[in-house]
Amino acid sequence: MEKLRQELKIWLKDIGKNREWLGEKCGVKKRTVDSWFSWGTITEQTERHLRLLMAQYPATANTPATPPSAAENAVVLTVNDSTFDLWNRAATAEKKLLRQWCVDVITEHVTANPPPDSTE
């Protein structure tokens, strides 16, 4: 459990969020989050939820330093917090990571609305 506490501390710092924000995302008060970092027990269900949050809000320090290979293409989207949270809730509702949800939404849109042929 101590390993998870350390991971959470580093992650919150890396993403620029605080314990109050984490409490909001977990549906608990900051006091509960504070207890996780000191003496409180973190249940298995809470740990799963925390790890899902860590996956959906990745720290930039976890981003690979090298650019994607030719077989991989990367897209970076910059949005405000409310839009990010809205997208994240939609992804979570479909039990997907945010990045996969974004790819699926874009692919579905382009498949349903193909762009005009560029050779015209």
N, C-alpha and C. Protein backbone atom coordinates (compact mmCIF):
# COMPACT_ATOMS: atom_id res chain seq x y z
N MET A 1 0.83 -1.20 0.00
CA MET A 1 0.00 0.00 0.00
C MET A 1 0.87 1.26 0.00
N GLU A 2 2.02 1.15 0.62
CA GLU A 2 2.93 2.31 0.64
C GLU A 2 3.38 2.66 -0.77
N LYS A 3 3.57 1.65 -1.61
CA LYS A 3 3.96 1.90 -3.00
C LYS A 3 2.88 2.72 -3.72
N LEU A 4 1.62 2.34 -3.52
CA LEU A 4 0.52 3.07 -4.14
C LEU A 4 0.49 4.51 -3.63
N ARG A 5 0.69 4.72 -2.34
CA ARG A 5 0.70 6.08 -1.79
C ARG A 5 1.77 6.93 -2.47
N GLN A 6 2.96 6.36 -2.64
CA GLN A 6 4.04 7.10 -3.29
C GLN A 6 3.71 7.39 -4.75
N GLU A 7 3.16 6.40 -5.44
CA GLU A 7 2.75 6.59 -6.84
C GLU A 7 1.73 7.72 -6.95
N LEU A 8 0.75 7.74 -6.03
CA LEU A 8 -0.27 8.78 -6.05
C LEU A 8 0.32 10.16 -5.82
N LYS A 9 1.21 10.27 -4.86
CA LYS A 9 1.85 11.57 -4.58
C LYS A 9 2.57 12.09 -5.82
N ILE A 10 3.35 11.24 -6.44
CA ILE A 10 4.11 11.64 -7.64
C ILE A 10 3.16 11.98 -8.77
N TRP A 11 2.14 11.15 -8.96
CA TRP A 11 1.19 11.37 -10.04
C TRP A 11 0.45 12.70 -9.88
N LEU A 12 -0.07 12.97 -8.68
CA LEU A 12 -0.77 14.23 -8.45
C LEU A 12 0.13 15.42 -8.74
N LYS A 13 1.37 15.35 -8.31
CA LYS A 13 2.32 16.43 -8.57
C LYS A 13 2.55 16.59 -10.07
N ASP A 14 2.75 15.46 -10.75
CA ASP A 14 3.04 15.50 -12.19
C ASP A 14 1.89 16.05 -13.02
N ILE A 15 0.65 15.78 -12.60
CA ILE A 15 -0.49 16.28 -13.38
C ILE A 15 -0.99 17.63 -12.88
N GLY A 16 -0.36 18.14 -11.82
CA GLY A 16 -0.71 19.46 -11.32
C GLY A 16 -2.05 19.51 -10.60
N LYS A 17 -2.44 18.41 -9.99
CA LYS A 17 -3.71 18.37 -9.26
C LYS A 17 -3.43 18.15 -7.78
N ASN A 18 -4.46 18.39 -6.95
CA ASN A 18 -4.28 18.25 -5.51
C ASN A 18 -5.23 17.19 -4.95
N ARG A 19 -5.15 16.99 -3.65
CA ARG A 19 -5.96 15.97 -3.00
C ARG A 19 -7.46 16.30 -3.05
N GLU A 20 -7.78 17.57 -3.04
CA GLU A 20 -9.19 17.96 -3.15
C GLU A 20 -9.76 17.51 -4.49
N TRP A 21 -8.99 17.74 -5.57
CA TRP A 21 -9.40 17.29 -6.91
C TRP A 21 -9.57 15.78 -6.93
N LEU A 22 -8.63 15.06 -6.33
CA LEU A 22 -8.70 13.60 -6.30
C LEU A 22 -9.95 13.15 -5.55
N GLY A 23 -10.26 13.82 -4.46
CA GLY A 23 -11.48 13.49 -3.73
C GLY A 23 -12.72 13.68 -4.58
N GLU A 24 -12.77 14.77 -5.33
CA GLU A 24 -13.91 15.01 -6.22
C GLU A 24 -14.05 13.89 -7.24
N LYS A 25 -12.92 13.46 -7.80
CA LYS A 25 -12.94 12.39 -8.81
C LYS A 25 -13.36 11.05 -8.22
N CYS A 26 -13.10 10.88 -6.92
CA CYS A 26 -13.42 9.61 -6.25
C CYS A 26 -14.74 9.67 -5.50
N GLY A 27 -15.35 10.84 -5.44
CA GLY A 27 -16.62 10.98 -4.74
C GLY A 27 -16.49 10.95 -3.22
N VAL A 28 -15.34 11.41 -2.74
CA VAL A 28 -15.10 11.46 -1.29
C VAL A 28 -14.58 12.84 -0.91
N LYS A 29 -14.56 13.12 0.37
CA LYS A 29 -14.04 14.39 0.85
C LYS A 29 -12.52 14.35 0.91
N LYS A 30 -11.91 15.53 0.91
CA LYS A 30 -10.46 15.63 0.98
C LYS A 30 -9.93 14.93 2.22
N ARG A 31 -10.66 14.98 3.30
CA ARG A 31 -10.24 14.33 4.54
C ARG A 31 -10.01 12.82 4.32
N THR A 32 -10.88 12.21 3.54
CA THR A 32 -10.72 10.78 3.23
C THR A 32 -9.45 10.56 2.43
N VAL A 33 -9.22 11.41 1.43
CA VAL A 33 -8.00 11.30 0.63
C VAL A 33 -6.77 11.48 1.52
N ASP A 34 -6.82 12.46 2.41
CA ASP A 34 -5.71 12.67 3.34
C ASP A 34 -5.42 11.41 4.14
N SER A 35 -6.48 10.71 4.54
CA SER A 35 -6.28 9.49 5.34
C SER A 35 -5.59 8.40 4.51
N TRP A 36 -5.85 8.37 3.20
CA TRP A 36 -5.18 7.39 2.35
C TRP A 36 -3.67 7.60 2.37
N PHE A 37 -3.27 8.87 2.49
CA PHE A 37 -1.84 9.19 2.44
C PHE A 37 -1.16 9.04 3.80
N SER A 38 -1.93 8.86 4.86
CA SER A 38 -1.30 8.75 6.18
C SER A 38 -1.56 7.38 6.79
N TRP A 39 -2.72 7.17 7.33
CA TRP A 39 -2.98 5.96 8.08
C TRP A 39 -4.09 5.10 7.50
N GLY A 40 -4.91 5.67 6.65
CA GLY A 40 -6.10 4.98 6.17
C GLY A 40 -5.82 3.81 5.25
N THR A 41 -6.71 2.88 5.28
CA THR A 41 -6.63 1.72 4.40
C THR A 41 -7.24 2.09 3.06
N ILE A 42 -6.62 1.64 2.01
CA ILE A 42 -7.17 1.83 0.67
C ILE A 42 -7.73 0.48 0.24
N THR A 43 -9.04 0.41 0.05
CA THR A 43 -9.68 -0.85 -0.32
C THR A 43 -9.26 -1.25 -1.74
N GLU A 44 -9.47 -2.50 -2.08
CA GLU A 44 -9.14 -2.98 -3.42
C GLU A 44 -9.95 -2.23 -4.47
N GLN A 45 -11.23 -1.97 -4.19
CA GLN A 45 -12.08 -1.24 -5.12
C GLN A 45 -11.56 0.18 -5.33
N THR A 46 -11.17 0.83 -4.24
CA THR A 46 -10.62 2.19 -4.34
C THR A 46 -9.31 2.17 -5.11
N GLU A 47 -8.47 1.19 -4.85
CA GLU A 47 -7.21 1.10 -5.58
C GLU A 47 -7.45 0.93 -7.08
N ARG A 48 -8.42 0.09 -7.45
CA ARG A 48 -8.73 -0.08 -8.88
C ARG A 48 -9.18 1.25 -9.49
N HIS A 49 -10.04 1.97 -8.74
CA HIS A 49 -10.52 3.27 -9.23
C HIS A 49 -9.36 4.26 -9.37
N LEU A 50 -8.48 4.29 -8.40
CA LEU A 50 -7.33 5.19 -8.44
C LEU A 50 -6.43 4.86 -9.63
N ARG A 51 -6.20 3.59 -9.86
CA ARG A 51 -5.33 3.19 -10.99
C ARG A 51 -5.99 3.53 -12.32
N LEU A 52 -7.31 3.43 -12.40
CA LEU A 52 -8.02 3.83 -13.61
C LEU A 52 -7.87 5.33 -13.83
N LEU A 53 -8.00 6.11 -12.77
CA LEU A 53 -7.80 7.56 -12.88
C LEU A 53 -6.38 7.88 -13.35
N MET A 54 -5.40 7.17 -12.78
CA MET A 54 -4.01 7.40 -13.16
C MET A 54 -3.80 7.08 -14.65
N ALA A 55 -4.51 6.09 -15.15
CA ALA A 55 -4.40 5.74 -16.57
C ALA A 55 -5.11 6.78 -17.45
N GLN A 56 -6.23 7.30 -16.96
CA GLN A 56 -7.01 8.25 -17.77
C GLN A 56 -6.47 9.67 -17.70
N TYR A 57 -5.72 9.98 -16.68
CA TYR A 57 -5.09 11.29 -16.53
C TYR A 57 -3.58 11.07 -16.44
N PRO A 58 -2.97 10.63 -17.53
CA PRO A 58 -1.54 10.30 -17.44
C PRO A 58 -0.68 11.54 -17.21
N ALA A 59 0.37 11.33 -16.44
CA ALA A 59 1.33 12.41 -16.20
C ALA A 59 2.19 12.58 -17.43
N THR A 60 2.55 13.83 -17.74
CA THR A 60 3.38 14.07 -18.91
C THR A 60 4.74 13.41 -18.75
N ALA A 61 5.17 13.19 -17.51
CA ALA A 61 6.44 12.51 -17.29
C ALA A 61 6.39 11.07 -17.78
N ASN A 62 5.17 10.52 -17.90
CA ASN A 62 5.03 9.15 -18.38
C ASN A 62 4.99 9.08 -19.90
N THR A 63 4.96 10.22 -20.56
CA THR A 63 4.93 10.24 -22.01
C THR A 63 6.29 9.86 -22.55
N PRO A 64 6.32 8.98 -23.54
CA PRO A 64 7.62 8.58 -24.07
C PRO A 64 8.40 9.77 -24.59
N ALA A 65 9.69 9.79 -24.33
CA ALA A 65 10.55 10.89 -24.77
C ALA A 65 10.81 10.83 -26.27
N THR A 66 10.74 9.63 -26.83
CA THR A 66 11.01 9.48 -28.25
C THR A 66 9.71 9.59 -29.02
N PRO A 67 9.78 10.13 -30.25
CA PRO A 67 8.56 10.24 -31.04
C PRO A 67 8.08 8.85 -31.46
N PRO A 68 6.79 8.73 -31.80
CA PRO A 68 6.28 7.44 -32.21
C PRO A 68 6.98 6.95 -33.46
N SER A 69 7.05 5.65 -33.63
CA SER A 69 7.66 5.07 -34.82
C SER A 69 6.72 5.27 -36.00
N ALA A 70 7.17 4.88 -37.18
CA ALA A 70 6.35 5.03 -38.38
C ALA A 70 5.08 4.21 -38.27
N ALA A 71 5.11 3.12 -37.50
CA ALA A 71 3.94 2.27 -37.34
C ALA A 71 2.92 2.89 -36.38
N GLU A 72 3.32 3.89 -35.61
CA GLU A 72 2.44 4.55 -34.66
C GLU A 72 2.28 6.01 -35.06
N ASN A 73 1.08 6.49 -34.92
CA ASN A 73 0.84 7.91 -35.16
C ASN A 73 0.31 8.50 -33.87
N ALA A 74 0.75 9.69 -33.54
CA ALA A 74 0.32 10.34 -32.30
C ALA A 74 -0.45 11.60 -32.63
N VAL A 75 -1.49 11.83 -31.85
CA VAL A 75 -2.28 13.05 -31.94
C VAL A 75 -2.34 13.64 -30.54
N VAL A 76 -2.04 14.91 -30.40
CA VAL A 76 -2.11 15.58 -29.11
C VAL A 76 -3.28 16.56 -29.16
N LEU A 77 -4.17 16.44 -28.20
CA LEU A 77 -5.32 17.33 -28.12
C LEU A 77 -5.20 18.17 -26.86
N THR A 78 -5.39 19.46 -26.99
CA THR A 78 -5.33 20.37 -25.85
C THR A 78 -6.72 20.97 -25.67
N VAL A 79 -7.32 20.68 -24.51
CA VAL A 79 -8.66 21.19 -24.22
C VAL A 79 -8.70 21.71 -22.79
N ASN A 80 -9.73 22.48 -22.47
CA ASN A 80 -9.86 22.99 -21.10
C ASN A 80 -10.33 21.87 -20.17
N ASP A 81 -10.25 22.12 -18.88
CA ASP A 81 -10.58 21.09 -17.88
C ASP A 81 -12.01 20.57 -18.01
N SER A 82 -12.97 21.45 -18.26
CA SER A 82 -14.36 20.98 -18.32
C SER A 82 -14.58 20.07 -19.53
N THR A 83 -13.97 20.39 -20.66
CA THR A 83 -14.09 19.52 -21.84
C THR A 83 -13.39 18.19 -21.58
N PHE A 84 -12.21 18.25 -20.98
CA PHE A 84 -11.47 17.03 -20.66
C PHE A 84 -12.30 16.15 -19.74
N ASP A 85 -12.89 16.73 -18.72
CA ASP A 85 -13.71 15.95 -17.78
C ASP A 85 -14.93 15.36 -18.47
N LEU A 86 -15.56 16.13 -19.36
CA LEU A 86 -16.71 15.64 -20.11
C LEU A 86 -16.33 14.43 -20.95
N TRP A 87 -15.23 14.54 -21.69
CA TRP A 87 -14.75 13.42 -22.51
C TRP A 87 -14.40 12.23 -21.63
N ASN A 88 -13.77 12.50 -20.52
CA ASN A 88 -13.35 11.43 -19.62
C ASN A 88 -14.56 10.67 -19.07
N ARG A 89 -15.63 11.41 -18.72
CA ARG A 89 -16.85 10.76 -18.23
C ARG A 89 -17.47 9.89 -19.33
N ALA A 90 -17.46 10.40 -20.56
CA ALA A 90 -18.01 9.62 -21.67
C ALA A 90 -17.20 8.34 -21.88
N ALA A 91 -15.88 8.45 -21.81
CA ALA A 91 -15.02 7.28 -21.98
C ALA A 91 -15.26 6.28 -20.86
N THR A 92 -15.36 6.77 -19.64
CA THR A 92 -15.57 5.89 -18.50
C THR A 92 -16.91 5.18 -18.61
N ALA A 93 -17.93 5.88 -19.09
CA ALA A 93 -19.25 5.27 -19.25
C ALA A 93 -19.20 4.10 -20.23
N GLU A 94 -18.29 4.17 -21.19
CA GLU A 94 -18.12 3.08 -22.15
C GLU A 94 -17.03 2.10 -21.72
N LYS A 95 -16.51 2.29 -20.49
CA LYS A 95 -15.46 1.44 -19.93
C LYS A 95 -14.22 1.40 -20.83
N LYS A 96 -13.84 2.58 -21.32
CA LYS A 96 -12.67 2.72 -22.17
C LYS A 96 -11.72 3.74 -21.57
N LEU A 97 -10.46 3.59 -21.90
CA LEU A 97 -9.50 4.65 -21.59
C LEU A 97 -9.81 5.82 -22.50
N LEU A 98 -9.49 7.01 -22.04
CA LEU A 98 -9.82 8.21 -22.80
C LEU A 98 -9.20 8.17 -24.19
N ARG A 99 -7.94 7.76 -24.29
CA ARG A 99 -7.29 7.76 -25.61
C ARG A 99 -8.00 6.82 -26.58
N GLN A 100 -8.47 5.65 -26.10
CA GLN A 100 -9.18 4.72 -26.98
C GLN A 100 -10.54 5.28 -27.36
N TRP A 101 -11.21 5.92 -26.41
CA TRP A 101 -12.51 6.52 -26.70
C TRP A 101 -12.37 7.58 -27.79
N CYS A 102 -11.33 8.43 -27.69
CA CYS A 102 -11.11 9.47 -28.70
C CYS A 102 -10.90 8.85 -30.08
N VAL A 103 -10.07 7.83 -30.15
CA VAL A 103 -9.82 7.16 -31.44
C VAL A 103 -11.12 6.59 -31.99
N ASP A 104 -11.91 5.94 -31.14
CA ASP A 104 -13.16 5.34 -31.59
C ASP A 104 -14.14 6.39 -32.10
N VAL A 105 -14.27 7.51 -31.37
CA VAL A 105 -15.20 8.58 -31.77
C VAL A 105 -14.79 9.18 -33.12
N ILE A 106 -13.52 9.45 -33.27
CA ILE A 106 -13.03 10.03 -34.53
C ILE A 106 -13.24 9.05 -35.68
N THR A 107 -12.90 7.78 -35.46
CA THR A 107 -13.05 6.76 -36.50
C THR A 107 -14.52 6.60 -36.89
N GLU A 108 -15.41 6.55 -35.90
CA GLU A 108 -16.84 6.43 -36.19
C GLU A 108 -17.33 7.62 -37.00
N HIS A 109 -16.89 8.82 -36.65
CA HIS A 109 -17.31 10.01 -37.37
C HIS A 109 -16.84 9.99 -38.82
N VAL A 110 -15.58 9.68 -39.02
CA VAL A 110 -15.02 9.69 -40.38
C VAL A 110 -15.63 8.56 -41.22
N THR A 111 -15.92 7.45 -40.60
CA THR A 111 -16.55 6.34 -41.33
C THR A 111 -17.96 6.72 -41.76
N ALA A 112 -18.70 7.39 -40.88
CA ALA A 112 -20.07 7.80 -41.20
C ALA A 112 -20.11 9.01 -42.13
N ASN A 113 -19.05 9.83 -42.09
CA ASN A 113 -18.99 11.05 -42.91
C ASN A 113 -17.66 11.11 -43.64
N PRO A 114 -17.46 10.25 -44.62
CA PRO A 114 -16.14 10.24 -45.28
C PRO A 114 -15.85 11.58 -45.94
N PRO A 115 -14.60 12.00 -45.85
CA PRO A 115 -14.23 13.25 -46.51
C PRO A 115 -14.27 13.07 -48.03
N PRO A 116 -14.45 14.17 -48.74
CA PRO A 116 -14.47 14.06 -50.21
C PRO A 116 -13.11 13.54 -50.70
N ASP A 117 -13.16 12.86 -51.80
CA ASP A 117 -11.93 12.34 -52.40
C ASP A 117 -11.03 13.51 -52.77
N SER A 118 -9.78 13.46 -52.33
CA SER A 118 -8.87 14.58 -52.55
C SER A 118 -8.38 14.68 -54.00
N THR A 119 -8.71 13.69 -54.83
CA THR A 119 -8.26 13.74 -56.23
C THR A 119 -9.24 14.49 -57.10
N GLU A 120 -10.37 14.89 -56.56
CA GLU A 120 -11.36 15.62 -57.38
C GLU A 120 -10.94 17.03 -57.64
